[in-house]
Amino acid sequence: MKIRFFTFIVVLAGFGTGGCDQSKVPLDAESRRMVDSLSAAYIGNERRVIDSFCKVQNTTVLPQMIDSIKQVRKKQIEEQLKAIPK
């Protein structure tokens, strides 16, 4: 994913710097549509990848973190209960 993102940034930078040495003619409508459709497709694809990472995090990592926090809290409660005079 990082390689694709880096490639996308390099391509965008190439578009940006490529226009510097050419005449100041703006992109025609077809070129703008092409750039727009390519970027929309790329963003949609990356959004699906990122969403899948979030789903994995929510189903695996998050429950483990919650269990760990619960264990720590149970130990804290037990220590507090031991400190209460009987």
C-alpha atoms as a PDB file:
ATOM      1  CA  MET A   1       0.000   0.000   0.000  1.00  0.00           C
ATOM      2  CA  LYS A   2       2.820   2.414   0.832  1.00  0.00           C
ATOM      3  CA  ILE A   3       4.442   1.761  -2.535  1.00  0.00           C
ATOM      4  CA  ARG A   4       1.206   2.499  -4.385  1.00  0.00           C
ATOM      5  CA  PHE A   5       0.695   5.689  -2.393  1.00  0.00           C
ATOM      6  CA  PHE A   6       4.288   6.765  -3.068  1.00  0.00           C
ATOM      7  CA  THR A   7       3.825   6.021  -6.786  1.00  0.00           C
ATOM      8  CA  PHE A   8       0.627   8.067  -6.824  1.00  0.00           C
ATOM      9  CA  ILE A   9       2.397  11.010  -5.187  1.00  0.00           C
ATOM     10  CA  VAL A  10       5.283  10.783  -7.660  1.00  0.00           C
ATOM     11  CA  VAL A  11       2.851  10.744 -10.580  1.00  0.00           C
ATOM     12  CA  LEU A  12       1.005  13.764  -9.181  1.00  0.00           C
ATOM     13  CA  ALA A  13       4.302  15.557  -8.654  1.00  0.00           C
ATOM     14  CA  GLY A  14       5.234  14.705 -12.230  1.00  0.00           C
ATOM     15  CA  PHE A  15       2.012  16.249 -13.467  1.00  0.00           C
ATOM     16  CA  GLY A  16       2.657  19.323 -11.363  1.00  0.00           C
ATOM     17  CA  THR A  17       6.263  19.847 -12.439  1.00  0.00           C
ATOM     18  CA  GLY A  18       5.648  18.770 -16.005  1.00  0.00           C
ATOM     19  CA  GLY A  19       3.398  21.768 -16.462  1.00  0.00           C
ATOM     20  CA  CYS A  20       6.108  24.193 -15.391  1.00  0.00           C
ATOM     21  CA  ASP A  21       8.226  23.962 -18.517  1.00  0.00           C
ATOM     22  CA  GLN A  22       5.314  23.892 -20.948  1.00  0.00           C
ATOM     23  CA  SER A  23       3.177  26.776 -22.076  1.00  0.00           C
ATOM     24  CA  LYS A  24       0.528  28.121 -19.706  1.00  0.00           C
ATOM     25  CA  VAL A  25      -2.272  26.393 -21.618  1.00  0.00           C
ATOM     26  CA  PRO A  26      -4.757  24.857 -19.159  1.00  0.00           C
ATOM     27  CA  LEU A  27      -5.787  21.235 -19.438  1.00  0.00           C
ATOM     28  CA  ASP A  28      -8.585  20.560 -21.840  1.00  0.00           C
ATOM     29  CA  ALA A  29     -11.869  19.056 -20.652  1.00  0.00           C
ATOM     30  CA  GLU A  30     -10.923  15.499 -21.650  1.00  0.00           C
ATOM     31  CA  SER A  31      -7.632  15.671 -19.740  1.00  0.00           C
ATOM     32  CA  ARG A  32      -9.377  17.023 -16.649  1.00  0.00           C
ATOM     33  CA  ARG A  33     -11.958  14.232 -16.851  1.00  0.00           C
ATOM     34  CA  MET A  34      -9.185  11.650 -17.195  1.00  0.00           C
ATOM     35  CA  VAL A  35      -7.297  12.995 -14.162  1.00  0.00           C
ATOM     36  CA  ASP A  36     -10.539  13.189 -12.186  1.00  0.00           C
ATOM     37  CA  SER A  37     -11.623   9.640 -13.031  1.00  0.00           C
ATOM     38  CA  LEU A  38      -8.166   8.196 -12.327  1.00  0.00           C
ATOM     39  CA  SER A  39      -7.899   9.949  -8.977  1.00  0.00           C
ATOM     40  CA  ALA A  40     -11.469   8.949  -8.027  1.00  0.00           C
ATOM     41  CA  ALA A  41     -10.713   5.312  -8.861  1.00  0.00           C
ATOM     42  CA  TYR A  42      -7.463   5.387  -6.897  1.00  0.00           C
ATOM     43  CA  ILE A  43      -9.067   7.050  -3.881  1.00  0.00           C
ATOM     44  CA  GLY A  44     -11.948   4.556  -3.927  1.00  0.00           C
ATOM     45  CA  ASN A  45      -9.548   1.626  -4.056  1.00  0.00           C
ATOM     46  CA  GLU A  46      -7.388   2.968  -1.244  1.00  0.00           C
ATOM     47  CA  ARG A  47     -10.466   3.693   0.851  1.00  0.00           C
ATOM     48  CA  ARG A  48     -11.514   0.029   0.548  1.00  0.00           C
ATOM     49  CA  VAL A  49      -8.025  -1.095   1.599  1.00  0.00           C
ATOM     50  CA  ILE A  50      -7.981   1.242   4.590  1.00  0.00           C
ATOM     51  CA  ASP A  51     -11.495   0.169   5.588  1.00  0.00           C
ATOM     52  CA  SER A  52     -10.406  -3.466   5.524  1.00  0.00           C
ATOM     53  CA  PHE A  53      -7.502  -2.609   7.862  1.00  0.00           C
ATOM     54  CA  CYS A  54      -9.951  -0.913  10.216  1.00  0.00           C
ATOM     55  CA  LYS A  55     -12.185  -4.000  10.222  1.00  0.00           C
ATOM     56  CA  VAL A  56      -9.209  -6.201  11.075  1.00  0.00           C
ATOM     57  CA  GLN A  57      -8.212  -3.847  13.882  1.00  0.00           C
ATOM     58  CA  ASN A  58     -11.734  -3.846  15.287  1.00  0.00           C
ATOM     59  CA  THR A  59     -12.065  -7.631  15.205  1.00  0.00           C
ATOM     60  CA  THR A  60      -8.610  -8.638  16.478  1.00  0.00           C
ATOM     61  CA  VAL A  61      -6.583  -5.894  18.118  1.00  0.00           C
ATOM     62  CA  LEU A  62      -9.367  -3.996  19.868  1.00  0.00           C
ATOM     63  CA  PRO A  63     -10.720  -7.030  21.813  1.00  0.00           C
ATOM     64  CA  GLN A  64      -7.179  -7.891  22.928  1.00  0.00           C
ATOM     65  CA  MET A  65      -6.639  -4.346  24.171  1.00  0.00           C
ATOM     66  CA  ILE A  66      -9.959  -4.379  26.020  1.00  0.00           C
ATOM     67  CA  ASP A  67      -9.126  -7.710  27.678  1.00  0.00           C
ATOM     68  CA  SER A  68      -5.759  -6.345  28.749  1.00  0.00           C
ATOM     69  CA  ILE A  69      -7.328  -3.218  30.241  1.00  0.00           C
ATOM     70  CA  LYS A  70      -9.912  -5.366  32.057  1.00  0.00           C
ATOM     71  CA  GLN A  71      -7.178  -7.548  33.580  1.00  0.00           C
ATOM     72  CA  VAL A  72      -5.269  -4.510  34.814  1.00  0.00           C
ATOM     73  CA  ARG A  73      -8.415  -2.999  36.264  1.00  0.00           C
ATOM     74  CA  LYS A  74      -9.341  -6.275  38.028  1.00  0.00           C
ATOM     75  CA  LYS A  75      -5.906  -6.352  39.648  1.00  0.00           C
ATOM     76  CA  GLN A  76      -6.336  -2.739  40.773  1.00  0.00           C
ATOM     77  CA  ILE A  77      -9.728  -3.541  42.296  1.00  0.00           C
ATOM     78  CA  GLU A  78      -8.329  -6.596  44.073  1.00  0.00           C
ATOM     79  CA  GLU A  79      -5.503  -4.513  45.527  1.00  0.00           C
ATOM     80  CA  GLN A  80      -7.976  -1.893  46.722  1.00  0.00           C
ATOM     81  CA  LEU A  81     -10.170  -4.556  48.300  1.00  0.00           C
ATOM     82  CA  LYS A  82      -7.155  -5.981  50.142  1.00  0.00           C
ATOM     83  CA  ALA A  83      -6.425  -2.521  51.565  1.00  0.00           C
ATOM     84  CA  ILE A  84      -9.898  -2.200  53.117  1.00  0.00           C
ATOM     85  CA  PRO A  85      -9.761  -2.974  56.831  1.00  0.00           C
ATOM     86  CA  LYS A  86     -12.036  -5.804  57.950  1.00  0.00           C
END
